[in-house]
Amino acid sequence: MAFNREDIRESIERAGDKHWEALVRHHTDVYPESNPTPGDVCRAEAARLNDLSLGDNPNVELVESRVERLPPAVRLTHVFKDRGKGDQFETEPFSNYE
């Protein structure tokens, strides 16, 4: 099943509070400017991972998503588990959402 916004939010939360907080602060710390909301970023990341054919791949499981602030952007790295091999792998870090 394809990823949605909630799947990405949950995977960021699994990475730990500091990752979710980094995403929230990316939006709030620039007030009155407005970076994308955490929901906007999660929605866009779900679409990006689906475009990479990771959302519909039954052989991989999204373990967690890590967020780093790199003002004015954020960098996201997703950790997947290969169900067949039991190995974990990471996506290339993606920076955007300014």
PDB file of N, CA and C in Angstrom:
ATOM      1  N   MET A   1       0.846  -1.178   0.000  1.00  0.00           N
ATOM      2  CA  MET A   1       0.000   0.000   0.000  1.00  0.00           C
ATOM      3  C   MET A   1       0.894   1.245   0.000  1.00  0.00           C
ATOM      4  N   ALA A   2       0.529   2.232  -0.749  1.00  0.00           N
ATOM      5  CA  ALA A   2       1.308   3.467  -0.880  1.00  0.00           C
ATOM      6  C   ALA A   2       1.374   4.208   0.456  1.00  0.00           C
ATOM      7  N   PHE A   3       2.463   4.946   0.643  1.00  0.00           N
ATOM      8  CA  PHE A   3       2.617   5.744   1.855  1.00  0.00           C
ATOM      9  C   PHE A   3       1.693   6.952   1.813  1.00  0.00           C
ATOM     10  N   ASN A   4       1.275   7.388   3.007  1.00  0.00           N
ATOM     11  CA  ASN A   4       0.513   8.625   3.130  1.00  0.00           C
ATOM     12  C   ASN A   4       1.172   9.491   4.204  1.00  0.00           C
ATOM     13  N   ARG A   5       0.604  10.641   4.416  1.00  0.00           N
ATOM     14  CA  ARG A   5       1.156  11.618   5.364  1.00  0.00           C
ATOM     15  C   ARG A   5       1.320  11.021   6.762  1.00  0.00           C
ATOM     16  N   GLU A   6       0.318  10.272   7.209  1.00  0.00           N
ATOM     17  CA  GLU A   6       0.368   9.684   8.549  1.00  0.00           C
ATOM     18  C   GLU A   6       1.491   8.660   8.686  1.00  0.00           C
ATOM     19  N   ASP A   7       1.725   7.873   7.645  1.00  0.00           N
ATOM     20  CA  ASP A   7       2.816   6.887   7.690  1.00  0.00           C
ATOM     21  C   ASP A   7       4.155   7.574   7.932  1.00  0.00           C
ATOM     22  N   ILE A   8       4.365   8.692   7.253  1.00  0.00           N
ATOM     23  CA  ILE A   8       5.637   9.400   7.393  1.00  0.00           C
ATOM     24  C   ILE A   8       5.731  10.053   8.767  1.00  0.00           C
ATOM     25  N   ARG A   9       4.635  10.636   9.226  1.00  0.00           N
ATOM     26  CA  ARG A   9       4.646  11.236  10.573  1.00  0.00           C
ATOM     27  C   ARG A   9       4.995  10.174  11.613  1.00  0.00           C
ATOM     28  N   GLU A  10       4.358   9.016  11.530  1.00  0.00           N
ATOM     29  CA  GLU A  10       4.621   7.948  12.494  1.00  0.00           C
ATOM     30  C   GLU A  10       6.076   7.487  12.431  1.00  0.00           C
ATOM     31  N   SER A  11       6.640   7.439  11.228  1.00  0.00           N
ATOM     32  CA  SER A  11       8.029   6.979  11.117  1.00  0.00           C
ATOM     33  C   SER A  11       9.003   8.023  11.671  1.00  0.00           C
ATOM     34  N   ILE A  12       8.661   9.307  11.552  1.00  0.00           N
ATOM     35  CA  ILE A  12       9.485  10.357  12.169  1.00  0.00           C
ATOM     36  C   ILE A  12       9.398  10.240  13.686  1.00  0.00           C
ATOM     37  N   GLU A  13       8.198   9.997  14.193  1.00  0.00           N
ATOM     38  CA  GLU A  13       8.030   9.844  15.637  1.00  0.00           C
ATOM     39  C   GLU A  13       8.785   8.622  16.157  1.00  0.00           C
ATOM     40  N   ARG A  14       8.851   7.546  15.364  1.00  0.00           N
ATOM     41  CA  ARG A  14       9.608   6.361  15.784  1.00  0.00           C
ATOM     42  C   ARG A  14      11.101   6.663  15.903  1.00  0.00           C
ATOM     43  N   ALA A  15      11.582   7.624  15.128  1.00  0.00           N
ATOM     44  CA  ALA A  15      12.999   8.001  15.197  1.00  0.00           C
ATOM     45  C   ALA A  15      13.318   8.736  16.497  1.00  0.00           C
ATOM     46  N   GLY A  16      12.312   9.272  17.149  1.00  0.00           N
ATOM     47  CA  GLY A  16      12.515   9.963  18.423  1.00  0.00           C
ATOM     48  C   GLY A  16      11.983  11.384  18.397  1.00  0.00           C
ATOM     49  N   ASP A  17      11.725  11.884  19.585  1.00  0.00           N
ATOM     50  CA  ASP A  17      11.138  13.219  19.731  1.00  0.00           C
ATOM     51  C   ASP A  17      11.960  14.308  19.058  1.00  0.00           C
ATOM     52  N   LYS A  18      13.280  14.192  19.106  1.00  0.00           N
ATOM     53  CA  LYS A  18      14.112  15.267  18.543  1.00  0.00           C
ATOM     54  C   LYS A  18      13.888  15.410  17.038  1.00  0.00           C
ATOM     55  N   HIS A  19      13.521  14.339  16.358  1.00  0.00           N
ATOM     56  CA  HIS A  19      13.297  14.409  14.915  1.00  0.00           C
ATOM     57  C   HIS A  19      11.973  15.112  14.607  1.00  0.00           C
ATOM     58  N   TRP A  20      10.923  14.757  15.340  1.00  0.00           N
ATOM     59  CA  TRP A  20       9.641  15.433  15.131  1.00  0.00           C
ATOM     60  C   TRP A  20       9.768  16.903  15.521  1.00  0.00           C
ATOM     61  N   GLU A  21      10.444  17.168  16.632  1.00  0.00           N
ATOM     62  CA  GLU A  21      10.621  18.548  17.082  1.00  0.00           C
ATOM     63  C   GLU A  21      11.415  19.361  16.060  1.00  0.00           C
ATOM     64  N   ALA A  22      12.403  18.762  15.424  1.00  0.00           N
ATOM     65  CA  ALA A  22      13.171  19.470  14.389  1.00  0.00           C
ATOM     66  C   ALA A  22      12.266  19.883  13.237  1.00  0.00           C
ATOM     67  N   LEU A  23      11.335  19.017  12.879  1.00  0.00           N
ATOM     68  CA  LEU A  23      10.419  19.340  11.784  1.00  0.00           C
ATOM     69  C   LEU A  23       9.449  20.446  12.193  1.00  0.00           C
ATOM     70  N   VAL A  24       8.941  20.379  13.403  1.00  0.00           N
ATOM     71  CA  VAL A  24       8.034  21.424  13.895  1.00  0.00           C
ATOM     72  C   VAL A  24       8.766  22.764  13.966  1.00  0.00           C
ATOM     73  N   ARG A  25       9.976  22.760  14.500  1.00  0.00           N
ATOM     74  CA  ARG A  25      10.738  24.014  14.638  1.00  0.00           C
ATOM     75  C   ARG A  25      11.124  24.593  13.285  1.00  0.00           C
ATOM     76  N   HIS A  26      11.323  23.736  12.307  1.00  0.00           N
ATOM     77  CA  HIS A  26      11.614  24.218  10.951  1.00  0.00           C
ATOM     78  C   HIS A  26      10.492  25.137  10.473  1.00  0.00           C
ATOM     79  N   HIS A  27       9.267  24.812  10.864  1.00  0.00           N
ATOM     80  CA  HIS A  27       8.108  25.620  10.469  1.00  0.00           C
ATOM     81  C   HIS A  27       7.932  26.838  11.382  1.00  0.00           C
ATOM     82  N   THR A  28       8.058  26.642  12.686  1.00  0.00           N
ATOM     83  CA  THR A  28       7.695  27.709  13.625  1.00  0.00           C
ATOM     84  C   THR A  28       8.797  28.734  13.876  1.00  0.00           C
ATOM     85  N   ASP A  29      10.052  28.348  13.788  1.00  0.00           N
ATOM     86  CA  ASP A  29      11.137  29.265  14.146  1.00  0.00           C
ATOM     87  C   ASP A  29      11.330  30.417  13.169  1.00  0.00           C
ATOM     88  N   VAL A  30      10.763  30.341  12.008  1.00  0.00           N
ATOM     89  CA  VAL A  30      10.956  31.407  11.021  1.00  0.00           C
ATOM     90  C   VAL A  30       9.812  32.420  11.011  1.00  0.00           C
ATOM     91  N   TYR A  31       8.878  32.284  11.967  1.00  0.00           N
ATOM     92  CA  TYR A  31       7.751  33.207  12.041  1.00  0.00           C
ATOM     93  C   TYR A  31       8.262  34.641  12.024  1.00  0.00           C
ATOM     94  N   PRO A  32       7.674  35.562  11.291  1.00  0.00           N
ATOM     95  CA  PRO A  32       6.415  35.479  10.549  1.00  0.00           C
ATOM     96  C   PRO A  32       6.540  34.886   9.151  1.00  0.00           C
ATOM     97  N   GLU A  33       7.749  34.511   8.733  1.00  0.00           N
ATOM     98  CA  GLU A  33       7.873  33.766   7.471  1.00  0.00           C
ATOM     99  C   GLU A  33       7.141  32.442   7.653  1.00  0.00           C
ATOM    100  N   SER A  34       7.022  31.680   6.601  1.00  0.00           N
ATOM    101  CA  SER A  34       6.301  30.420   6.746  1.00  0.00           C
ATOM    102  C   SER A  34       6.928  29.336   5.887  1.00  0.00           C
ATOM    103  N   ASN A  35       7.702  28.466   6.526  1.00  0.00           N
ATOM    104  CA  ASN A  35       8.173  27.259   5.859  1.00  0.00           C
ATOM    105  C   ASN A  35       7.009  26.276   5.783  1.00  0.00           C
ATOM    106  N   PRO A  36       7.111  25.244   4.976  1.00  0.00           N
ATOM    107  CA  PRO A  36       6.041  24.251   4.924  1.00  0.00           C
ATOM    108  C   PRO A  36       5.764  23.670   6.313  1.00  0.00           C
ATOM    109  N   THR A  37       4.503  23.353   6.563  1.00  0.00           N
ATOM    110  CA  THR A  37       4.122  22.757   7.842  1.00  0.00           C
ATOM    111  C   THR A  37       4.655  21.329   7.914  1.00  0.00           C
ATOM    112  N   PRO A  38       4.729  20.761   9.120  1.00  0.00           N
ATOM    113  CA  PRO A  38       5.120  19.356   9.221  1.00  0.00           C
ATOM    114  C   PRO A  38       4.222  18.443   8.381  1.00  0.00           C
ATOM    115  N   GLY A  39       2.935  18.742   8.350  1.00  0.00           N
ATOM    116  CA  GLY A  39       2.016  17.948   7.528  1.00  0.00           C
ATOM    117  C   GLY A  39       2.328  18.059   6.046  1.00  0.00           C
ATOM    118  N   ASP A  40       2.678  19.262   5.592  1.00  0.00           N
ATOM    119  CA  ASP A  40       3.057  19.453   4.184  1.00  0.00           C
ATOM    120  C   ASP A  40       4.292  18.631   3.836  1.00  0.00           C
ATOM    121  N   VAL A  41       5.287  18.653   4.731  1.00  0.00           N
ATOM    122  CA  VAL A  41       6.523  17.905   4.490  1.00  0.00           C
ATOM    123  C   VAL A  41       6.231  16.409   4.468  1.00  0.00           C
ATOM    124  N   CYS A  42       5.442  15.930   5.423  1.00  0.00           N
ATOM    125  CA  CYS A  42       5.110  14.500   5.469  1.00  0.00           C
ATOM    126  C   CYS A  42       4.358  14.069   4.215  1.00  0.00           C
ATOM    127  N   ARG A  43       3.442  14.887   3.761  1.00  0.00           N
ATOM    128  CA  ARG A  43       2.682  14.575   2.544  1.00  0.00           C
ATOM    129  C   ARG A  43       3.612  14.517   1.330  1.00  0.00           C
ATOM    130  N   ALA A  44       4.504  15.478   1.216  1.00  0.00           N
ATOM    131  CA  ALA A  44       5.436  15.513   0.084  1.00  0.00           C
ATOM    132  C   ALA A  44       6.418  14.342   0.137  1.00  0.00           C
ATOM    133  N   GLU A  45       6.873  13.992   1.333  1.00  0.00           N
ATOM    134  CA  GLU A  45       7.791  12.854   1.467  1.00  0.00           C
ATOM    135  C   GLU A  45       7.088  11.546   1.123  1.00  0.00           C
ATOM    136  N   ALA A  46       5.834  11.406   1.504  1.00  0.00           N
ATOM    137  CA  ALA A  46       5.077  10.205   1.134  1.00  0.00           C
ATOM    138  C   ALA A  46       5.012  10.089  -0.384  1.00  0.00           C
ATOM    139  N   ALA A  47       4.710  11.185  -1.051  1.00  0.00           N
ATOM    140  CA  ALA A  47       4.641  11.175  -2.520  1.00  0.00           C
ATOM    141  C   ALA A  47       6.005  10.865  -3.125  1.00  0.00           C
ATOM    142  N   ARG A  48       7.070  11.436  -2.558  1.00  0.00           N
ATOM    143  CA  ARG A  48       8.415  11.201  -3.081  1.00  0.00           C
ATOM    144  C   ARG A  48       8.811   9.733  -2.943  1.00  0.00           C
ATOM    145  N   LEU A  49       8.540   9.144  -1.784  1.00  0.00           N
ATOM    146  CA  LEU A  49       8.870   7.726  -1.581  1.00  0.00           C
ATOM    147  C   LEU A  49       8.017   6.830  -2.469  1.00  0.00           C
ATOM    148  N   ASN A  50       6.764   7.203  -2.671  1.00  0.00           N
ATOM    149  CA  ASN A  50       5.908   6.440  -3.584  1.00  0.00           C
ATOM    150  C   ASN A  50       6.439   6.525  -5.011  1.00  0.00           C
ATOM    151  N   ASP A  51       6.917   7.696  -5.409  1.00  0.00           N
ATOM    152  CA  ASP A  51       7.499   7.856  -6.749  1.00  0.00           C
ATOM    153  C   ASP A  51       8.753   6.999  -6.927  1.00  0.00           C
ATOM    154  N   LEU A  52       9.437   6.699  -5.818  1.00  0.00           N
ATOM    155  CA  LEU A  52      10.620   5.836  -5.857  1.00  0.00           C
ATOM    156  C   LEU A  52      10.245   4.350  -5.775  1.00  0.00           C
ATOM    157  N   SER A  53       8.935   4.071  -5.808  1.00  0.00           N
ATOM    158  CA  SER A  53       8.388   2.703  -5.743  1.00  0.00           C
ATOM    159  C   SER A  53       8.675   2.010  -4.414  1.00  0.00           C
ATOM    160  N   LEU A  54       8.850   2.774  -3.359  1.00  0.00           N
ATOM    161  CA  LEU A  54       9.075   2.176  -2.047  1.00  0.00           C
ATOM    162  C   LEU A  54       7.770   1.946  -1.291  1.00  0.00           C
ATOM    163  N   GLY A  55       6.742   2.706  -1.604  1.00  0.00           N
ATOM    164  CA  GLY A  55       5.475   2.574  -0.900  1.00  0.00           C
ATOM    165  C   GLY A  55       4.727   1.300  -1.218  1.00  0.00           C
ATOM    166  N   ASP A  56       4.824   0.831  -2.441  1.00  0.00           N
ATOM    167  CA  ASP A  56       4.095  -0.365  -2.868  1.00  0.00           C
ATOM    168  C   ASP A  56       4.958  -1.616  -2.886  1.00  0.00           C
ATOM    169  N   ASN A  57       6.171  -1.526  -2.379  1.00  0.00           N
ATOM    170  CA  ASN A  57       7.082  -2.666  -2.400  1.00  0.00           C
ATOM    171  C   ASN A  57       6.844  -3.524  -1.157  1.00  0.00           C
ATOM    172  N   PRO A  58       6.294  -4.729  -1.318  1.00  0.00           N
ATOM    173  CA  PRO A  58       6.000  -5.570  -0.153  1.00  0.00           C
ATOM    174  C   PRO A  58       7.257  -6.117   0.527  1.00  0.00           C
ATOM    175  N   ASN A  59       8.409  -5.963  -0.110  1.00  0.00           N
ATOM    176  CA  ASN A  59       9.652  -6.504   0.444  1.00  0.00           C
ATOM    177  C   ASN A  59      10.383  -5.541   1.366  1.00  0.00           C
ATOM    178  N   VAL A  60       9.878  -4.316   1.498  1.00  0.00           N
ATOM    179  CA  VAL A  60      10.530  -3.347   2.380  1.00  0.00           C
ATOM    180  C   VAL A  60       9.540  -2.785   3.388  1.00  0.00           C
ATOM    181  N   GLU A  61      10.077  -2.419   4.539  1.00  0.00           N
ATOM    182  CA  GLU A  61       9.287  -1.844   5.625  1.00  0.00           C
ATOM    183  C   GLU A  61       9.960  -0.555   6.073  1.00  0.00           C
ATOM    184  N   LEU A  62       9.179   0.513   6.210  1.00  0.00           N
ATOM    185  CA  LEU A  62       9.711   1.788   6.688  1.00  0.00           C
ATOM    186  C   LEU A  62       9.913   1.699   8.198  1.00  0.00           C
ATOM    187  N   VAL A  63      11.158   1.763   8.631  1.00  0.00           N
ATOM    188  CA  VAL A  63      11.498   1.626  10.046  1.00  0.00           C
ATOM    189  C   VAL A  63      11.378   2.966  10.757  1.00  0.00           C
ATOM    190  N   GLU A  64      12.054   3.979  10.234  1.00  0.00           N
ATOM    191  CA  GLU A  64      12.012   5.310  10.832  1.00  0.00           C
ATOM    192  C   GLU A  64      12.475   6.334   9.811  1.00  0.00           C
ATOM    193  N   SER A  65      12.157   7.594  10.113  1.00  0.00           N
ATOM    194  CA  SER A  65      12.576   8.708   9.259  1.00  0.00           C
ATOM    195  C   SER A  65      13.255   9.744  10.136  1.00  0.00           C
ATOM    196  N   ARG A  66      14.460  10.103   9.769  1.00  0.00           N
ATOM    197  CA  ARG A  66      15.259  11.047  10.560  1.00  0.00           C
ATOM    198  C   ARG A  66      15.216  12.432   9.923  1.00  0.00           C
ATOM    199  N   VAL A  67      15.118  13.437  10.777  1.00  0.00           N
ATOM    200  CA  VAL A  67      15.035  14.825  10.315  1.00  0.00           C
ATOM    201  C   VAL A  67      16.181  15.614  10.929  1.00  0.00           C
ATOM    202  N   GLU A  68      16.888  16.352  10.094  1.00  0.00           N
ATOM    203  CA  GLU A  68      17.937  17.266  10.551  1.00  0.00           C
ATOM    204  C   GLU A  68      17.619  18.653  10.012  1.00  0.00           C
ATOM    205  N   ARG A  69      17.799  19.650  10.848  1.00  0.00           N
ATOM    206  CA  ARG A  69      17.621  21.028  10.391  1.00  0.00           C
ATOM    207  C   ARG A  69      18.908  21.518   9.766  1.00  0.00           C
ATOM    208  N   LEU A  70      18.781  22.049   8.575  1.00  0.00           N
ATOM    209  CA  LEU A  70      19.889  22.685   7.863  1.00  0.00           C
ATOM    210  C   LEU A  70      19.357  23.999   7.313  1.00  0.00           C
ATOM    211  N   PRO A  71      19.127  24.976   8.213  1.00  0.00           N
ATOM    212  CA  PRO A  71      18.476  26.206   7.780  1.00  0.00           C
ATOM    213  C   PRO A  71      19.097  26.755   6.502  1.00  0.00           C
ATOM    214  N   PRO A  72      18.262  27.108   5.577  1.00  0.00           N
ATOM    215  CA  PRO A  72      16.818  27.284   5.675  1.00  0.00           C
ATOM    216  C   PRO A  72      16.016  26.030   5.334  1.00  0.00           C
ATOM    217  N   ALA A  73      16.650  24.882   5.190  1.00  0.00           N
ATOM    218  CA  ALA A  73      15.953  23.657   4.784  1.00  0.00           C
ATOM    219  C   ALA A  73      16.007  22.614   5.900  1.00  0.00           C
ATOM    220  N   VAL A  74      15.432  21.462   5.623  1.00  0.00           N
ATOM    221  CA  VAL A  74      15.573  20.286   6.473  1.00  0.00           C
ATOM    222  C   VAL A  74      16.068  19.141   5.601  1.00  0.00           C
ATOM    223  N   ARG A  75      16.747  18.193   6.237  1.00  0.00           N
ATOM    224  CA  ARG A  75      17.220  17.009   5.515  1.00  0.00           C
ATOM    225  C   ARG A  75      16.524  15.794   6.123  1.00  0.00           C
ATOM    226  N   LEU A  76      15.951  14.965   5.257  1.00  0.00           N
ATOM    227  CA  LEU A  76      15.278  13.754   5.700  1.00  0.00           C
ATOM    228  C   LEU A  76      15.989  12.532   5.150  1.00  0.00           C
ATOM    229  N   THR A  77      16.152  11.546   6.024  1.00  0.00           N
ATOM    230  CA  THR A  77      16.734  10.266   5.650  1.00  0.00           C
ATOM    231  C   THR A  77      15.800   9.187   6.173  1.00  0.00           C
ATOM    232  N   HIS A  78      15.362   8.305   5.300  1.00  0.00           N
ATOM    233  CA  HIS A  78      14.435   7.243   5.684  1.00  0.00           C
ATOM    234  C   HIS A  78      15.192   5.929   5.812  1.00  0.00           C
ATOM    235  N   VAL A  79      14.886   5.187   6.866  1.00  0.00           N
ATOM    236  CA  VAL A  79      15.512   3.889   7.110  1.00  0.00           C
ATOM    237  C   VAL A  79      14.476   2.810   6.805  1.00  0.00           C
ATOM    238  N   PHE A  80      14.857   1.888   5.932  1.00  0.00           N
ATOM    239  CA  PHE A  80      13.986   0.783   5.542  1.00  0.00           C
ATOM    240  C   PHE A  80      14.604  -0.538   5.950  1.00  0.00           C
ATOM    241  N   LYS A  81      13.752  -1.528   6.130  1.00  0.00           N
ATOM    242  CA  LYS A  81      14.206  -2.893   6.378  1.00  0.00           C
ATOM    243  C   LYS A  81      13.831  -3.734   5.168  1.00  0.00           C
ATOM    244  N   ASP A  82      14.800  -4.460   4.650  1.00  0.00           N
ATOM    245  CA  ASP A  82      14.558  -5.419   3.574  1.00  0.00           C
ATOM    246  C   ASP A  82      14.042  -6.688   4.249  1.00  0.00           C
ATOM    247  N   ARG A  83      12.775  -6.995   4.064  1.00  0.00           N
ATOM    248  CA  ARG A  83      12.162  -8.130   4.756  1.00  0.00           C
ATOM    249  C   ARG A  83      12.781  -9.464   4.362  1.00  0.00           C
ATOM    250  N   GLY A  84      13.218  -9.586   3.133  1.00  0.00           N
ATOM    251  CA  GLY A  84      13.801 -10.839   2.669  1.00  0.00           C
ATOM    252  C   GLY A  84      15.166 -11.116   3.268  1.00  0.00           C
ATOM    253  N   LYS A  85      15.988 -10.090   3.350  1.00  0.00           N
ATOM    254  CA  LYS A  85      17.359 -10.246   3.839  1.00  0.00           C
ATOM    255  C   LYS A  85      17.507  -9.909   5.318  1.00  0.00           C
ATOM    256  N   GLY A  86      16.558  -9.135   5.839  1.00  0.00           N
ATOM    257  CA  GLY A  86      16.661  -8.693   7.223  1.00  0.00           C
ATOM    258  C   GLY A  86      17.598  -7.514   7.410  1.00  0.00           C
ATOM    259  N   ASP A  87      18.173  -7.013   6.326  1.00  0.00           N
ATOM    260  CA  ASP A  87      19.098  -5.877   6.382  1.00  0.00           C
ATOM    261  C   ASP A  87      18.329  -4.560   6.390  1.00  0.00           C
ATOM    262  N   GLN A  88      18.973  -3.541   6.943  1.00  0.00           N
ATOM    263  CA  GLN A  88      18.418  -2.194   6.873  1.00  0.00           C
ATOM    264  C   GLN A  88      19.235  -1.373   5.889  1.00  0.00           C
ATOM    265  N   PHE A  89      18.550  -0.434   5.241  1.00  0.00           N
ATOM    266  CA  PHE A  89      19.233   0.492   4.345  1.00  0.00           C
ATOM    267  C   PHE A  89      18.587   1.858   4.473  1.00  0.00           C
ATOM    268  N   GLU A  90      19.337   2.874   4.100  1.00  0.00           N
ATOM    269  CA  GLU A  90      18.857   4.253   4.176  1.00  0.00           C
ATOM    270  C   GLU A  90      18.715   4.830   2.780  1.00  0.00           C
ATOM    271  N   THR A  91      17.733   5.710   2.641  1.00  0.00           N
ATOM    272  CA  THR A  91      17.630   6.471   1.402  1.00  0.00           C
ATOM    273  C   THR A  91      18.735   7.521   1.407  1.00  0.00           C
ATOM    274  N   GLU A  92      19.045   8.038   0.239  1.00  0.00           N
ATOM    275  CA  GLU A  92      19.959   9.178   0.167  1.00  0.00           C
ATOM    276  C   GLU A  92      19.303  10.339   0.915  1.00  0.00           C
ATOM    277  N   PRO A  93      20.056  11.074   1.725  1.00  0.00           N
ATOM    278  CA  PRO A  93      19.470  12.231   2.405  1.00  0.00           C
ATOM    279  C   PRO A  93      18.881  13.208   1.385  1.00  0.00           C
ATOM    280  N   PHE A  94      17.689  13.722   1.701  1.00  0.00           N
ATOM    281  CA  PHE A  94      16.996  14.646   0.810  1.00  0.00           C
ATOM    282  C   PHE A  94      16.801  15.963   1.538  1.00  0.00           C
ATOM    283  N   SER A  95      17.293  17.038   0.964  1.00  0.00           N
ATOM    284  CA  SER A  95      17.164  18.369   1.565  1.00  0.00           C
ATOM    285  C   SER A  95      16.262  19.230   0.696  1.00  0.00           C
ATOM    286  N   ASN A  96      15.320  19.873   1.368  1.00  0.00           N
ATOM    287  CA  ASN A  96      14.402  20.750   0.656  1.00  0.00           C
ATOM    288  C   ASN A  96      13.439  21.353   1.668  1.00  0.00           C
ATOM    289  N   TYR A  97      12.282  21.751   1.191  1.00  0.00           N
ATOM    290  CA  TYR A  97      11.194  22.263   2.020  1.00  0.00           C
ATOM    291  C   TYR A  97      11.555  23.578   2.696  1.00  0.00           C
ATOM    292  N   GLU A  98      12.021  24.515   1.898  1.00  0.00           N
ATOM    293  CA  GLU A  98      12.339  25.850   2.409  1.00  0.00           C
ATOM    294  C   GLU A  98      11.107  26.720   2.374  1.00  0.00           C
TER     295      GLU A  98
END
